[in-house]
PDB file of N, CA and C in Angstrom:
ATOM      1  N   MET A   1     120.545  68.937  84.920  1.00  0.00           N
ATOM      2  CA  MET A   1     121.651  67.977  85.520  1.00  0.00           C
ATOM      3  C   MET A   1     121.269  66.655  84.678  1.00  0.00           C
ATOM      4  N   GLY A   2     122.356  66.236  83.952  1.00  0.00           N
ATOM      5  CA  GLY A   2     122.321  64.895  83.329  1.00  0.00           C
ATOM      6  C   GLY A   2     121.523  63.978  83.797  1.00  0.00           C
ATOM      7  N   ASN A   3     122.241  63.217  84.836  1.00  0.00           N
ATOM      8  CA  ASN A   3     121.509  61.898  85.225  1.00  0.00           C
ATOM      9  C   ASN A   3     120.828  61.832  86.401  1.00  0.00           C
ATOM     10  N   SER A   4     120.584  63.298  86.888  1.00  0.00           N
ATOM     11  CA  SER A   4     120.149  63.294  88.342  1.00  0.00           C
ATOM     12  C   SER A   4     118.704  62.753  88.547  1.00  0.00           C
ATOM     13  N   LYS A   5     118.220  62.248  89.454  1.00  0.00           N
ATOM     14  CA  LYS A   5     116.956  61.440  89.699  1.00  0.00           C
ATOM     15  C   LYS A   5     116.481  62.022  91.082  1.00  0.00           C
ATOM     16  N   LYS A   6     115.003  62.191  91.337  1.00  0.00           N
ATOM     17  CA  LYS A   6     114.574  62.577  92.436  1.00  0.00           C
ATOM     18  C   LYS A   6     114.053  61.560  93.160  1.00  0.00           C
ATOM     19  N   LEU A   7     114.548  61.362  94.620  1.00  0.00           N
ATOM     20  CA  LEU A   7     114.148  60.322  95.515  1.00  0.00           C
ATOM     21  C   LEU A   7     112.851  60.904  96.446  1.00  0.00           C
ATOM     22  N   THR A   8     113.093  61.992  96.921  1.00  0.00           N
ATOM     23  CA  THR A   8     111.878  62.583  97.739  1.00  0.00           C
ATOM     24  C   THR A   8     111.961  63.957  97.297  1.00  0.00           C
ATOM     25  N   GLU A   9     110.800  64.777  97.693  1.00  0.00           N
ATOM     26  CA  GLU A   9     110.746  66.208  97.264  1.00  0.00           C
ATOM     27  C   GLU A   9     112.064  66.804  97.614  1.00  0.00           C
ATOM     28  N   GLY A  10     112.493  67.532  96.702  1.00  0.00           N
ATOM     29  CA  GLY A  10     113.915  68.427  97.032  1.00  0.00           C
ATOM     30  C   GLY A  10     115.062  67.882  96.997  1.00  0.00           C
ATOM     31  N   ASP A  11     115.154  66.583  96.840  1.00  0.00           N
ATOM     32  CA  ASP A  11     116.580  65.677  96.868  1.00  0.00           C
ATOM     33  C   ASP A  11     116.737  65.290  95.566  1.00  0.00           C
ATOM     34  N   GLU A  12     117.865  65.844  94.898  1.00  0.00           N
ATOM     35  CA  GLU A  12     118.364  65.249  93.631  1.00  0.00           C
ATOM     36  C   GLU A  12     119.527  64.049  94.045  1.00  0.00           C
ATOM     37  N   ILE A  13     119.518  63.153  93.013  1.00  0.00           N
ATOM     38  CA  ILE A  13     120.467  62.241  93.413  1.00  0.00           C
ATOM     39  C   ILE A  13     121.405  62.058  92.144  1.00  0.00           C
ATOM     40  N   ASN A  14     122.584  62.481  92.236  1.00  0.00           N
ATOM     41  CA  ASN A  14     123.746  62.039  90.999  1.00  0.00           C
ATOM     42  C   ASN A  14     124.543  60.888  91.518  1.00  0.00           C
ATOM     43  N   GLY A  15     124.553  59.870  90.837  1.00  0.00           N
ATOM     44  CA  GLY A  15     124.999  58.737  91.487  1.00  0.00           C
ATOM     45  C   GLY A  15     123.955  58.122  92.317  1.00  0.00           C
ATOM     46  N   LEU A  16     124.462  57.070  93.129  1.00  0.00           N
ATOM     47  CA  LEU A  16     123.499  56.277  93.981  1.00  0.00           C
ATOM     48  C   LEU A  16     123.960  56.139  95.242  1.00  0.00           C
ATOM     49  N   ASN A  17     123.237  56.545  96.331  1.00  0.00           N
ATOM     50  CA  ASN A  17     123.752  56.386  97.730  1.00  0.00           C
ATOM     51  C   ASN A  17     122.381  56.373  98.370  1.00  0.00           C
ATOM     52  N   VAL A  18     121.887  55.300  98.469  1.00  0.00           N
ATOM     53  CA  VAL A  18     120.524  55.053  99.005  1.00  0.00           C
ATOM     54  C   VAL A  18     120.498  53.979  99.956  1.00  0.00           C
ATOM     55  N   VAL A  19     120.120  54.153 101.348  1.00  0.00           N
ATOM     56  CA  VAL A  19     120.117  53.012 102.354  1.00  0.00           C
ATOM     57  C   VAL A  19     118.738  52.690 102.758  1.00  0.00           C
ATOM     58  N   VAL A  20     118.319  51.348 102.929  1.00  0.00           N
ATOM     59  CA  VAL A  20     117.145  51.095 103.649  1.00  0.00           C
ATOM     60  C   VAL A  20     117.731  50.150 104.615  1.00  0.00           C
ATOM     61  N   VAL A  21     117.238  50.472 105.948  1.00  0.00           N
ATOM     62  CA  VAL A  21     117.333  49.814 107.317  1.00  0.00           C
ATOM     63  C   VAL A  21     116.159  49.522 107.848  1.00  0.00           C
ATOM     64  N   GLU A  22     115.877  48.230 108.021  1.00  0.00           N
ATOM     65  CA  GLU A  22     114.740  47.809 108.954  1.00  0.00           C
ATOM     66  C   GLU A  22     115.292  47.081 110.225  1.00  0.00           C
ATOM     67  N   GLY A  23     114.830  47.465 111.274  1.00  0.00           N
ATOM     68  CA  GLY A  23     115.124  46.944 112.447  1.00  0.00           C
ATOM     69  C   GLY A  23     114.518  47.334 113.631  1.00  0.00           C
ATOM     70  N   VAL A  24     115.174  47.446 114.752  1.00  0.00           N
ATOM     71  CA  VAL A  24     114.661  47.845 116.204  1.00  0.00           C
ATOM     72  C   VAL A  24     115.790  48.972 116.686  1.00  0.00           C
ATOM     73  N   VAL A  25     115.048  50.087 117.286  1.00  0.00           N
ATOM     74  CA  VAL A  25     115.876  51.126 117.818  1.00  0.00           C
ATOM     75  C   VAL A  25     116.440  50.360 119.115  1.00  0.00           C
ATOM     76  N   LYS A  26     117.714  50.566 119.327  1.00  0.00           N
ATOM     77  CA  LYS A  26     118.517  49.628 120.362  1.00  0.00           C
ATOM     78  C   LYS A  26     118.635  50.541 121.626  1.00  0.00           C
ATOM     79  N   GLN A  27     118.506  51.677 121.853  1.00  0.00           N
ATOM     80  CA  GLN A  27     118.477  52.656 122.782  1.00  0.00           C
ATOM     81  C   GLN A  27     117.866  53.962 122.774  1.00  0.00           C
ATOM     82  N   GLU A  28     117.535  54.637 123.593  1.00  0.00           N
ATOM     83  CA  GLU A  28     116.768  55.663 123.467  1.00  0.00           C
ATOM     84  C   GLU A  28     117.517  56.792 122.584  1.00  0.00           C
ATOM     85  N   PRO A  29     116.975  57.378 121.625  1.00  0.00           N
ATOM     86  CA  PRO A  29     117.728  58.373 120.821  1.00  0.00           C
ATOM     87  C   PRO A  29     118.245  59.613 121.563  1.00  0.00           C
ATOM     88  N   THR A  30     119.262  60.146 121.225  1.00  0.00           N
ATOM     89  CA  THR A  30     120.034  61.340 122.071  1.00  0.00           C
ATOM     90  C   THR A  30     120.054  62.421 120.995  1.00  0.00           C
ATOM     91  N   LEU A  31     119.873  63.790 121.554  1.00  0.00           N
ATOM     92  CA  LEU A  31     119.899  64.693 120.749  1.00  0.00           C
ATOM     93  C   LEU A  31     121.298  65.533 120.963  1.00  0.00           C
ATOM     94  N   ARG A  32     121.733  65.862 119.569  1.00  0.00           N
ATOM     95  CA  ARG A  32     123.102  66.682 119.480  1.00  0.00           C
ATOM     96  C   ARG A  32     122.866  67.783 118.887  1.00  0.00           C
ATOM     97  N   GLU A  33     123.538  68.826 119.475  1.00  0.00           N
ATOM     98  CA  GLU A  33     123.745  70.120 118.696  1.00  0.00           C
ATOM     99  C   GLU A  33     124.913  70.219 117.740  1.00  0.00           C
ATOM    100  N   LEU A  34     124.462  70.700 116.581  1.00  0.00           N
ATOM    101  CA  LEU A  34     125.656  70.694 115.582  1.00  0.00           C
ATOM    102  C   LEU A  34     126.021  72.159 115.599  1.00  0.00           C
ATOM    103  N   GLY A  35     127.353  72.407 114.925  1.00  0.00           N
ATOM    104  CA  GLY A  35     128.009  73.511 114.943  1.00  0.00           C
ATOM    105  C   GLY A  35     127.410  74.774 114.718  1.00  0.00           C
ATOM    106  N   ASP A  36     126.230  74.556 113.684  1.00  0.00           N
ATOM    107  CA  ASP A  36     125.417  75.698 113.239  1.00  0.00           C
ATOM    108  C   ASP A  36     124.234  76.012 113.979  1.00  0.00           C
ATOM    109  N   GLY A  37     124.204  75.143 115.063  1.00  0.00           N
ATOM    110  CA  GLY A  37     122.964  75.433 116.074  1.00  0.00           C
ATOM    111  C   GLY A  37     121.734  74.466 115.856  1.00  0.00           C
ATOM    112  N   GLU A  38     121.748  73.626 114.562  1.00  0.00           N
ATOM    113  CA  GLU A  38     120.756  72.716 114.304  1.00  0.00           C
ATOM    114  C   GLU A  38     120.777  71.366 115.236  1.00  0.00           C
ATOM    115  N   PHE A  39     119.537  71.045 115.722  1.00  0.00           N
ATOM    116  CA  PHE A  39     119.790  69.590 116.490  1.00  0.00           C
ATOM    117  C   PHE A  39     119.407  68.610 115.583  1.00  0.00           C
ATOM    118  N   VAL A  40     120.285  67.425 115.900  1.00  0.00           N
ATOM    119  CA  VAL A  40     119.758  66.109 115.170  1.00  0.00           C
ATOM    120  C   VAL A  40     119.734  65.092 116.405  1.00  0.00           C
ATOM    121  N   ARG A  41     118.954  63.849 116.089  1.00  0.00           N
ATOM    122  CA  ARG A  41     118.936  62.999 116.890  1.00  0.00           C
ATOM    123  C   ARG A  41     119.683  61.547 116.448  1.00  0.00           C
ATOM    124  N   GLU A  42     120.436  61.171 117.205  1.00  0.00           N
ATOM    125  CA  GLU A  42     121.010  60.046 117.080  1.00  0.00           C
ATOM    126  C   GLU A  42     120.734  58.691 117.527  1.00  0.00           C
ATOM    127  N   PHE A  43     120.553  57.565 116.994  1.00  0.00           N
ATOM    128  CA  PHE A  43     120.265  56.418 117.701  1.00  0.00           C
ATOM    129  C   PHE A  43     120.978  55.074 116.729  1.00  0.00           C
ATOM    130  N   THR A  44     120.746  53.986 117.454  1.00  0.00           N
ATOM    131  CA  THR A  44     121.279  52.642 116.564  1.00  0.00           C
ATOM    132  C   THR A  44     120.121  51.932 116.407  1.00  0.00           C
ATOM    133  N   VAL A  45     120.199  51.413 115.112  1.00  0.00           N
ATOM    134  CA  VAL A  45     119.124  50.498 114.748  1.00  0.00           C
ATOM    135  C   VAL A  45     119.709  48.891 114.705  1.00  0.00           C
ATOM    136  N   GLY A  46     119.101  47.978 115.271  1.00  0.00           N
ATOM    137  CA  GLY A  46     119.714  46.586 115.283  1.00  0.00           C
ATOM    138  C   GLY A  46     118.975  45.905 114.333  1.00  0.00           C
ATOM    139  N   THR A  47     119.699  45.018 113.508  1.00  0.00           N
ATOM    140  CA  THR A  47     119.028  44.320 112.556  1.00  0.00           C
ATOM    141  C   THR A  47     119.970  42.868 112.612  1.00  0.00           C
ATOM    142  N   TYR A  48     119.440  41.723 111.895  1.00  0.00           N
ATOM    143  CA  TYR A  48     120.159  40.380 111.981  1.00  0.00           C
ATOM    144  C   TYR A  48     120.730  40.070 110.544  1.00  0.00           C
ATOM    145  N   ILE A  49     121.714  39.927 110.360  1.00  0.00           N
ATOM    146  CA  ILE A  49     122.180  39.514 109.180  1.00  0.00           C
ATOM    147  C   ILE A  49     122.957  38.199 109.295  1.00  0.00           C
ATOM    148  N   ASP A  50     122.386  37.034 108.572  1.00  0.00           N
ATOM    149  CA  ASP A  50     122.962  35.762 108.561  1.00  0.00           C
ATOM    150  C   ASP A  50     123.215  35.427 110.158  1.00  0.00           C
ATOM    151  N   GLY A  51     122.071  35.626 110.896  1.00  0.00           N
ATOM    152  CA  GLY A  51     121.811  34.999 112.312  1.00  0.00           C
ATOM    153  C   GLY A  51     122.800  36.085 113.361  1.00  0.00           C
ATOM    154  N   ARG A  52     123.492  37.020 112.908  1.00  0.00           N
ATOM    155  CA  ARG A  52     124.309  37.828 113.571  1.00  0.00           C
ATOM    156  C   ARG A  52     123.592  39.329 113.811  1.00  0.00           C
ATOM    157  N   GLN A  53     123.592  39.853 114.893  1.00  0.00           N
ATOM    158  CA  GLN A  53     123.077  41.252 115.136  1.00  0.00           C
ATOM    159  C   GLN A  53     124.172  42.169 114.583  1.00  0.00           C
ATOM    160  N   VAL A  54     123.658  43.111 113.640  1.00  0.00           N
ATOM    161  CA  VAL A  54     124.280  44.154 113.168  1.00  0.00           C
ATOM    162  C   VAL A  54     123.626  45.645 113.719  1.00  0.00           C
ATOM    163  N   LYS A  55     124.748  46.309 114.247  1.00  0.00           N
ATOM    164  CA  LYS A  55     124.114  47.726 114.781  1.00  0.00           C
ATOM    165  C   LYS A  55     124.447  48.773 113.771  1.00  0.00           C
ATOM    166  N   THR A  56     123.386  49.622 113.230  1.00  0.00           N
ATOM    167  CA  THR A  56     123.743  50.796 112.516  1.00  0.00           C
ATOM    168  C   THR A  56     123.519  52.070 113.137  1.00  0.00           C
ATOM    169  N   PRO A  57     124.369  52.935 112.969  1.00  0.00           N
ATOM    170  CA  PRO A  57     124.055  54.300 113.639  1.00  0.00           C
ATOM    171  C   PRO A  57     123.485  54.984 112.743  1.00  0.00           C
ATOM    172  N   VAL A  58     122.476  55.699 113.156  1.00  0.00           N
ATOM    173  CA  VAL A  58     121.615  56.508 112.331  1.00  0.00           C
ATOM    174  C   VAL A  58     121.406  58.116 112.884  1.00  0.00           C
ATOM    175  N   VAL A  59     121.431  59.067 112.160  1.00  0.00           N
ATOM    176  CA  VAL A  59     121.188  60.213 112.588  1.00  0.00           C
ATOM    177  C   VAL A  59     119.968  61.116 111.722  1.00  0.00           C
ATOM    178  N   CYS A  60     119.062  61.658 112.372  1.00  0.00           N
ATOM    179  CA  CYS A  60     118.067  62.418 111.498  1.00  0.00           C
ATOM    180  C   CYS A  60     117.729  63.849 112.203  1.00  0.00           C
ATOM    181  N   ARG A  61     117.183  64.603 111.357  1.00  0.00           N
ATOM    182  CA  ARG A  61     116.549  65.891 111.999  1.00  0.00           C
ATOM    183  C   ARG A  61     115.896  65.567 113.092  1.00  0.00           C
ATOM    184  N   GLU A  62     116.026  66.625 114.002  1.00  0.00           N
ATOM    185  CA  GLU A  62     115.359  66.774 115.384  1.00  0.00           C
ATOM    186  C   GLU A  62     113.830  66.263 115.395  1.00  0.00           C
ATOM    187  N   ALA A  63     113.249  66.877 114.523  1.00  0.00           N
ATOM    188  CA  ALA A  63     111.524  66.491 114.440  1.00  0.00           C
ATOM    189  C   ALA A  63     111.388  65.168 113.970  1.00  0.00           C
ATOM    190  N   LEU A  64     112.229  64.778 113.028  1.00  0.00           N
ATOM    191  CA  LEU A  64     112.154  63.406 112.302  1.00  0.00           C
ATOM    192  C   LEU A  64     112.084  62.213 113.196  1.00  0.00           C
ATOM    193  N   GLY A  65     112.804  62.169 114.199  1.00  0.00           N
ATOM    194  CA  GLY A  65     113.030  61.125 115.067  1.00  0.00           C
ATOM    195  C   GLY A  65     112.284  61.413 116.401  1.00  0.00           C
ATOM    196  N   ALA A  66     111.571  62.506 116.643  1.00  0.00           N
ATOM    197  CA  ALA A  66     111.056  62.970 117.691  1.00  0.00           C
ATOM    198  C   ALA A  66     110.267  61.900 118.750  1.00  0.00           C
ATOM    199  N   SER A  67     109.460  61.145 117.759  1.00  0.00           N
ATOM    200  CA  SER A  67     108.542  60.119 118.372  1.00  0.00           C
ATOM    201  C   SER A  67     109.191  58.675 118.642  1.00  0.00           C
ATOM    202  N   LEU A  68     110.487  58.591 118.306  1.00  0.00           N
ATOM    203  CA  LEU A  68     111.207  57.306 118.639  1.00  0.00           C
ATOM    204  C   LEU A  68     111.621  57.002 120.037  1.00  0.00           C
ATOM    205  N   SER A  69     111.412  55.680 120.250  1.00  0.00           N
ATOM    206  CA  SER A  69     111.899  55.207 121.648  1.00  0.00           C
ATOM    207  C   SER A  69     112.592  53.858 121.496  1.00  0.00           C
ATOM    208  N   ALA A  70     113.345  53.483 122.422  1.00  0.00           N
ATOM    209  CA  ALA A  70     114.234  52.289 122.430  1.00  0.00           C
ATOM    210  C   ALA A  70     112.967  51.069 122.208  1.00  0.00           C
ATOM    211  N   GLY A  71     113.275  49.986 121.532  1.00  0.00           N
ATOM    212  CA  GLY A  71     112.395  48.999 121.308  1.00  0.00           C
ATOM    213  C   GLY A  71     111.469  49.037 120.158  1.00  0.00           C
ATOM    214  N   ASP A  72     111.361  50.446 119.379  1.00  0.00           N
ATOM    215  CA  ASP A  72     110.429  50.565 118.398  1.00  0.00           C
ATOM    216  C   ASP A  72     110.876  49.900 117.147  1.00  0.00           C
ATOM    217  N   GLU A  73     110.170  49.477 116.423  1.00  0.00           N
ATOM    218  CA  GLU A  73     110.409  48.849 114.982  1.00  0.00           C
ATOM    219  C   GLU A  73     110.296  49.945 114.051  1.00  0.00           C
ATOM    220  N   VAL A  74     111.360  49.989 113.196  1.00  0.00           N
ATOM    221  CA  VAL A  74     111.629  51.143 112.221  1.00  0.00           C
ATOM    222  C   VAL A  74     111.889  50.792 110.927  1.00  0.00           C
ATOM    223  N   THR A  75     111.530  51.375 110.041  1.00  0.00           N
ATOM    224  CA  THR A  75     112.060  51.369 108.515  1.00  0.00           C
ATOM    225  C   THR A  75     112.816  52.922 108.370  1.00  0.00           C
ATOM    226  N   ILE A  76     114.026  52.761 107.829  1.00  0.00           N
ATOM    227  CA  ILE A  76     114.972  54.082 107.601  1.00  0.00           C
ATOM    228  C   ILE A  76     115.151  54.121 106.331  1.00  0.00           C
ATOM    229  N   VAL A  77     114.942  55.255 105.442  1.00  0.00           N
ATOM    230  CA  VAL A  77     115.446  55.466 104.184  1.00  0.00           C
ATOM    231  C   VAL A  77     116.228  56.723 104.228  1.00  0.00           C
ATOM    232  N   GLY A  78     117.484  56.562 103.631  1.00  0.00           N
ATOM    233  CA  GLY A  78     118.370  57.658 103.774  1.00  0.00           C
ATOM    234  C   GLY A  78     119.438  57.438 102.866  1.00  0.00           C
ATOM    235  N   HIS A  79     120.868  57.809 103.354  1.00  0.00           N
ATOM    236  CA  HIS A  79     122.017  57.614 102.620  1.00  0.00           C
ATOM    237  C   HIS A  79     123.156  57.468 103.490  1.00  0.00           C
ATOM    238  N   VAL A  80     124.300  56.935 103.327  1.00  0.00           N
ATOM    239  CA  VAL A  80     125.471  56.623 104.051  1.00  0.00           C
ATOM    240  C   VAL A  80     126.301  57.954 104.017  1.00  0.00           C
ATOM    241  N   HIS A  81     126.865  58.449 105.303  1.00  0.00           N
ATOM    242  CA  HIS A  81     127.698  59.552 105.247  1.00  0.00           C
ATOM    243  C   HIS A  81     128.764  59.401 106.212  1.00  0.00           C
ATOM    244  N   MET A  82     129.928  59.721 105.816  1.00  0.00           N
ATOM    245  CA  MET A  82     131.067  59.616 106.684  1.00  0.00           C
ATOM    246  C   MET A  82     131.483  61.052 107.214  1.00  0.00           C
ATOM    247  N   ARG A  83     131.301  61.406 108.513  1.00  0.00           N
ATOM    248  CA  ARG A  83     131.736  62.596 108.958  1.00  0.00           C
ATOM    249  C   ARG A  83     132.971  62.598 109.741  1.00  0.00           C
ATOM    250  N   PHE A  84     133.724  63.892 109.656  1.00  0.00           N
ATOM    251  CA  PHE A  84     134.985  63.863 110.631  1.00  0.00           C
ATOM    252  C   PHE A  84     134.773  64.950 111.762  1.00  0.00           C
ATOM    253  N   PHE A  85     135.351  64.702 112.655  1.00  0.00           N
ATOM    254  CA  PHE A  85     135.384  65.689 113.769  1.00  0.00           C
ATOM    255  C   PHE A  85     136.561  65.802 114.475  1.00  0.00           C
ATOM    256  N   ALA A  86     136.725  66.727 115.505  1.00  0.00           N
ATOM    257  CA  ALA A  86     138.098  66.768 116.207  1.00  0.00           C
ATOM    258  C   ALA A  86     137.512  66.250 117.651  1.00  0.00           C
ATOM    259  N   THR A  87     138.326  65.334 118.222  1.00  0.00           N
ATOM    260  CA  THR A  87     138.190  64.919 119.479  1.00  0.00           C
ATOM    261  C   THR A  87     139.627  64.678 120.202  1.00  0.00           C
ATOM    262  N   GLY A  88     139.768  65.212 121.335  1.00  0.00           N
ATOM    263  CA  GLY A  88     141.003  64.826 122.019  1.00  0.00           C
ATOM    264  C   GLY A  88     142.025  65.244 121.259  1.00  0.00           C
ATOM    265  N   GLY A  89     142.072  66.183 120.537  1.00  0.00           N
ATOM    266  CA  GLY A  89     143.288  66.610 119.472  1.00  0.00           C
ATOM    267  C   GLY A  89     143.531  65.745 118.449  1.00  0.00           C
ATOM    268  N   ARG A  90     142.663  64.903 118.062  1.00  0.00           N
ATOM    269  CA  ARG A  90     142.699  64.160 116.808  1.00  0.00           C
ATOM    270  C   ARG A  90     141.545  64.103 116.185  1.00  0.00           C
ATOM    271  N   VAL A  91     141.654  64.095 114.772  1.00  0.00           N
ATOM    272  CA  VAL A  91     140.583  63.888 114.074  1.00  0.00           C
ATOM    273  C   VAL A  91     139.921  62.453 113.822  1.00  0.00           C
ATOM    274  N   THR A  92     138.569  62.257 113.948  1.00  0.00           N
ATOM    275  CA  THR A  92     138.018  61.060 113.967  1.00  0.00           C
ATOM    276  C   THR A  92     137.006  61.102 113.018  1.00  0.00           C
ATOM    277  N   SER A  93     136.395  59.810 112.533  1.00  0.00           N
ATOM    278  CA  SER A  93     135.613  59.704 111.668  1.00  0.00           C
ATOM    279  C   SER A  93     134.494  58.908 112.193  1.00  0.00           C
ATOM    280  N   ARG A  94     133.394  59.065 111.584  1.00  0.00           N
ATOM    281  CA  ARG A  94     132.081  58.087 112.060  1.00  0.00           C
ATOM    282  C   ARG A  94     131.314  57.842 110.601  1.00  0.00           C
ATOM    283  N   THR A  95     130.994  56.718 110.380  1.00  0.00           N
ATOM    284  CA  THR A  95     130.077  56.397 109.350  1.00  0.00           C
ATOM    285  C   THR A  95     128.648  56.228 109.996  1.00  0.00           C
ATOM    286  N   GLU A  96     127.611  56.752 109.279  1.00  0.00           N
ATOM    287  CA  GLU A  96     126.359  56.741 109.870  1.00  0.00           C
ATOM    288  C   GLU A  96     125.546  56.793 108.630  1.00  0.00           C
ATOM    289  N   VAL A  97     124.289  56.335 108.954  1.00  0.00           N
ATOM    290  CA  VAL A  97     123.124  56.558 107.841  1.00  0.00           C
ATOM    291  C   VAL A  97     122.360  57.894 108.149  1.00  0.00           C
ATOM    292  N   VAL A  98     122.366  58.694 107.388  1.00  0.00           N
ATOM    293  CA  VAL A  98     121.508  60.067 107.443  1.00  0.00           C
ATOM    294  C   VAL A  98     119.989  59.704 106.974  1.00  0.00           C
ATOM    295  N   ALA A  99     119.048  59.708 107.888  1.00  0.00           N
ATOM    296  CA  ALA A  99     117.835  59.334 107.573  1.00  0.00           C
ATOM    297  C   ALA A  99     117.076  60.513 106.933  1.00  0.00           C
ATOM    298  N   LYS A 100     116.404  60.228 105.870  1.00  0.00           N
ATOM    299  CA  LYS A 100     115.515  61.284 105.077  1.00  0.00           C
ATOM    300  C   LYS A 100     114.123  60.858 105.435  1.00  0.00           C
ATOM    301  N   GLN A 101     113.899  59.638 105.822  1.00  0.00           N
ATOM    302  CA  GLN A 101     112.431  59.264 106.121  1.00  0.00           C
ATOM    303  C   GLN A 101     112.706  58.259 107.125  1.00  0.00           C
ATOM    304  N   VAL A 102     111.695  58.076 108.179  1.00  0.00           N
ATOM    305  CA  VAL A 102     111.752  57.236 109.367  1.00  0.00           C
ATOM    306  C   VAL A 102     110.217  56.761 109.447  1.00  0.00           C
ATOM    307  N   PHE A 103     110.042  55.627 109.395  1.00  0.00           N
ATOM    308  CA  PHE A 103     108.679  54.920 109.484  1.00  0.00           C
ATOM    309  C   PHE A 103     108.743  53.853 110.571  1.00  0.00           C
ATOM    310  N   GLY A 104     107.540  54.025 111.307  1.00  0.00           N
ATOM    311  CA  GLY A 104     107.181  53.132 112.547  1.00  0.00           C
ATOM    312  C   GLY A 104     106.549  51.808 111.742  1.00  0.00           C
ATOM    313  N   ALA A 105     106.406  50.860 112.752  1.00  0.00           N
ATOM    314  CA  ALA A 105     105.781  49.509 112.358  1.00  0.00           C
ATOM    315  C   ALA A 105     104.456  49.789 111.879  1.00  0.00           C
ATOM    316  N   ARG A 106     103.726  50.661 112.256  1.00  0.00           N
ATOM    317  CA  ARG A 106     102.254  51.008 112.010  1.00  0.00           C
ATOM    318  C   ARG A 106     102.137  52.124 110.603  1.00  0.00           C
ATOM    319  N   SER A 107     103.185  52.422 110.210  1.00  0.00           N
ATOM    320  CA  SER A 107     103.234  53.302 108.740  1.00  0.00           C
ATOM    321  C   SER A 107     103.408  52.506 107.446  1.00  0.00           C
ATOM    322  N   ARG A 108     102.743  51.441 107.434  1.00  0.00           N
ATOM    323  CA  ARG A 108     102.937  50.499 106.205  1.00  0.00           C
ATOM    324  C   ARG A 108     102.697  50.991 104.902  1.00  0.00           C
ATOM    325  N   SER A 109     101.667  51.746 104.908  1.00  0.00           N
ATOM    326  CA  SER A 109     101.319  52.487 103.508  1.00  0.00           C
ATOM    327  C   SER A 109     102.226  53.366 103.259  1.00  0.00           C
ATOM    328  N   ALA A 110     102.831  54.329 103.939  1.00  0.00           N
ATOM    329  CA  ALA A 110     103.745  55.319 103.648  1.00  0.00           C
ATOM    330  C   ALA A 110     105.125  54.621 103.506  1.00  0.00           C
ATOM    331  N   ARG A 111     105.386  53.642 104.139  1.00  0.00           N
ATOM    332  CA  ARG A 111     106.681  52.820 103.880  1.00  0.00           C
ATOM    333  C   ARG A 111     106.647  52.329 102.647  1.00  0.00           C
ATOM    334  N   THR A 112     105.594  51.642 102.279  1.00  0.00           N
ATOM    335  CA  THR A 112     105.651  50.861 101.022  1.00  0.00           C
ATOM    336  C   THR A 112     105.783  51.935 100.070  1.00  0.00           C
ATOM    337  N   LYS A 113     105.088  52.922 100.085  1.00  0.00           N
ATOM    338  CA  LYS A 113     105.352  54.115  98.936  1.00  0.00           C
ATOM    339  C   LYS A 113     106.766  54.578  98.736  1.00  0.00           C
ATOM    340  N   ALA A 114     107.316  54.752  99.985  1.00  0.00           N
ATOM    341  CA  ALA A 114     108.698  55.249  99.986  1.00  0.00           C
ATOM    342  C   ALA A 114     109.755  54.134  99.417  1.00  0.00           C
ATOM    343  N   LEU A 115     109.534  53.082  99.734  1.00  0.00           N
ATOM    344  CA  LEU A 115     110.246  51.881  99.217  1.00  0.00           C
ATOM    345  C   LEU A 115     109.990  51.702  97.603  1.00  0.00           C
ATOM    346  N   ALA A 116     108.832  51.956  97.196  1.00  0.00           N
ATOM    347  CA  ALA A 116     108.562  51.876  95.809  1.00  0.00           C
ATOM    348  C   ALA A 116     109.437  53.075  95.117  1.00  0.00           C
ATOM    349  N   GLY A 117     109.549  54.268  95.672  1.00  0.00           N
ATOM    350  CA  GLY A 117     110.146  55.252  95.072  1.00  0.00           C
ATOM    351  C   GLY A 117     111.765  55.015  95.229  1.00  0.00           C
ATOM    352  N   VAL A 118     112.104  54.000  96.203  1.00  0.00           N
ATOM    353  CA  VAL A 118     113.781  53.812  95.875  1.00  0.00           C
ATOM    354  C   VAL A 118     113.767  52.718  94.953  1.00  0.00           C
ATOM    355  N   ILE A 119     112.942  52.009  94.658  1.00  0.00           N
ATOM    356  CA  ILE A 119     113.181  50.881  93.771  1.00  0.00           C
ATOM    357  C   ILE A 119     112.999  51.696  92.352  1.00  0.00           C
ATOM    358  N   GLN A 120     112.225  52.446  92.052  1.00  0.00           N
ATOM    359  CA  GLN A 120     112.194  53.219  91.017  1.00  0.00           C
ATOM    360  C   GLN A 120     113.392  53.917  90.459  1.00  0.00           C
ATOM    361  N   VAL A 121     114.120  54.575  91.449  1.00  0.00           N
ATOM    362  CA  VAL A 121     115.293  55.213  91.416  1.00  0.00           C
ATOM    363  C   VAL A 121     116.427  54.118  90.671  1.00  0.00           C
ATOM    364  N   ILE A 122     116.434  53.127  91.505  1.00  0.00           N
ATOM    365  CA  ILE A 122     117.316  51.911  91.277  1.00  0.00           C
ATOM    366  C   ILE A 122     117.145  51.464  89.713  1.00  0.00           C
ATOM    367  N   GLN A 123     115.994  51.333  89.650  1.00  0.00           N
ATOM    368  CA  GLN A 123     115.636  50.757  88.206  1.00  0.00           C
ATOM    369  C   GLN A 123     115.693  51.518  87.169  1.00  0.00           C
ATOM    370  N   GLY A 124     115.773  53.067  87.290  1.00  0.00           N
ATOM    371  CA  GLY A 124     115.888  53.980  86.252  1.00  0.00           C
ATOM    372  C   GLY A 124     117.321  54.303  85.976  1.00  0.00           C
ATOM    373  N   ARG A 125     118.252  53.693  86.719  1.00  0.00           N
ATOM    374  CA  ARG A 125     119.832  53.832  86.433  1.00  0.00           C
ATOM    375  C   ARG A 125     120.216  53.413  85.204  1.00  0.00           C
TER     376      ARG A 125
END
C-alpha cells in the first residue's frame, strides 16, 4: 500500500486521522453492547481550551477501559469516528473518539512512547 504508515501494531493509516485527548474522565464509564455482541465502554473526557471546558465523547474496547473511573486523569490516543444509528424511527449520528490506547496519569513512560509514535507518523507525511 503506497502511503500507508503504522501507528500501532496491526493498524495501518492511509491519510491521517489521529487524535490525542488529555483530560479527566467526567463520569463513570458505561458498558454498551454492539450489534455483533462485542462490548465497548463509553465515557466523556473533559479538557479546557481557552478557559472553557470541552467534553469529548470516547469509546473503547471493553478491556481497554476496564480500570477507568470518574475523576481519573487520562491520555487517549485514537481516531475520530462518526457513527449512525436508528433511534425513535430516525437516523441519528454521533461523533466520538475511538480510543486505541488509554493511559492513566501514572503511565508516563508508555504515554510518552505512544505520543512519540504519533509525532513520527505526522512528521513522516
